[in-house]
Amino acid sequence: MSRIKTFNLPDLGEGLTEGEILAWLVKVGDTIELNQPIVEVETAKAAVEIPAKWAGQVQAIHHPEGTTVEVGTPIIAIDTDPGAGPLEALSTTATPSGDLPTPSAASLAAVEVAPAEGMIEPGLIGGAAPGGRTAVLVGYGPRTTAAKRRPRKGAAPSGVDHGVVVGDKPTPTPTIPAPQVHDRRGGASGGAVLAKPPVRKLAKDLGVDLATLTGSGPLGSITREDVQQAASGASVVVAEPIAATAAPSFGADREQRIPVKGVRKLTAENMSRSAFTAPHVTEFLTVDVTRAMKALDRLRGRREWRDVRVSPLLLVAKAVLLAVQRHPMVNSTWAGDEIVVKEYVNLGIAAATERGLIVPNVKDAGRLSLRELADALTDLVQTAKSGRTSPAAMSGGTLTITNVGVFGVDTGTPILPPGESAILAFGAVREMPWVHKGKVKVRQVTTLALSFDHRIIDGELGSKFLRDVGDFLTDPEAALLAWT
């Protein structure tokens, strides 16, 4: 069996086809242990640390940080028996053009590729990694195409492709000559003359050669007066060049181009697919939540809740879960020739992160007590903010809440996550004048917006569901007594 084993980028779940290498956690020459995290990869859903499938010594790293690599592409070579004697090194020093060198025949012969899907070596998947981490390998994708590398910042343009090439020489890029720059004022410089079309026509009609004139117009342009003076034989006064204020630039030097990749790319694809597939309807409801806010204050004051994060989102989540029990069709999926009504609620919470919008979900949230739901929401939000949300935590959502109120926004018209039939927007809670018991008083008020798939949820069902959520937030104690 070969000592050198090549590790391919695995499929990290949900049919992902590529990932960007964010950071290598090891370097060439390092001794590594089984299941030790060796690289951090950003997929379309999350940043994930990938563990080693073998113990040994790092022999070669095939792709630098910042490279986008397709699933199944070799990313690292590991010597699984470094104590057996010297071995021809697989150099990772880049060539002057930026390419990694082509491995020698002896090196390639010593390499053994990682097993394909369905041929995972026993005892390697799922074991505890050093430091208490858990292996996250799922399997391997079918493709083994070459990596795509982003251009390095500040790098000079080159005629050579900087991607990793094995066996074939890179194809030079044809050199494109720079365009010739002309002086627009003409005259002694011999360049193109700056004049408007009517002025050019006038000069042609009067037989005046524009190239012999010095313009008196803006930026040295030739005017009608200049042509008429030249045609009448009068001496043309050569105007002293005036230092003109540079016109504002609206070109690429004042633009920023941000690559669309990872979470942002996936979000764009999902939102576009959802917006043009499911017929969206959005309804709004403004409710007095003063009693709900007082209930939260009383809850925070209880001894057993003093170390628990209690926020208005907790009551909104509870209201949604209770309303789903009363209207199960809201928690369903359109499946072409049938509607799949789900008896479990994987409650998604939209979260804004540095990498973009993600929607992790609380699994089977309807079975949790209020205290368990509070702990689950806190853990979900903290994990999302730290960038540690796993792809599994963002899969399988059935109904979503987006808390736009944290940004000071009253409400919105949210787009459905693909595969879900409803999403609730929870707006900011504000003190506003409100008619209460026949008198105008200052009350705490919020606005709810429910977007739903009109193929599944008609206006009556959507209205009843939204009304029940509002009723709970208006008087939580009364709703609990009436519904449970």
Foldseek 3Di string as FASTA:
>chain_A
DFQKEFEWAADLDPPFWKWFFADAPDDAFDWFAAQAFGTWTFTQAFIDTAGDQATAGWQEAQDDGQWMFTWGATGTMGRRCVPPDDDPGLDQDADPVQEGDAGDPRVVVRYHYADAFPPHDPPRAQDQYPPRDTHRGDGTDDDHDFIGHDDDPPDDDFQFDNTYDYPDGTDGHDDDDDDDDFQQQAEPRNGHHAEDPVLVVVLVVLVHDRNNFFDPDPSRHHDNVRSVCVSVVHDDDHDDDDDDDDDDDPDPVPDDDDDQGHNNVVVVVQLVCQPVPFDKDKDKDKFFLQQVVVVQVVQCPDPVCVPFDGDPVLLLVVLLLLLCVVPQLQQWFDDPVDIGGDPFAFEWEWAQEPSGIATFTHGRLSVDDSRRSRVSVVVVHVCVHVRNDRPVRRPDHREYEYECQVVVAQWDRDGDGHGYFKYKYKHHWDFDFDQDPNDTDTTTMGMMMMMGRCVRDPPVSVVSSVVSSSVCSNPVVVSVVVRD
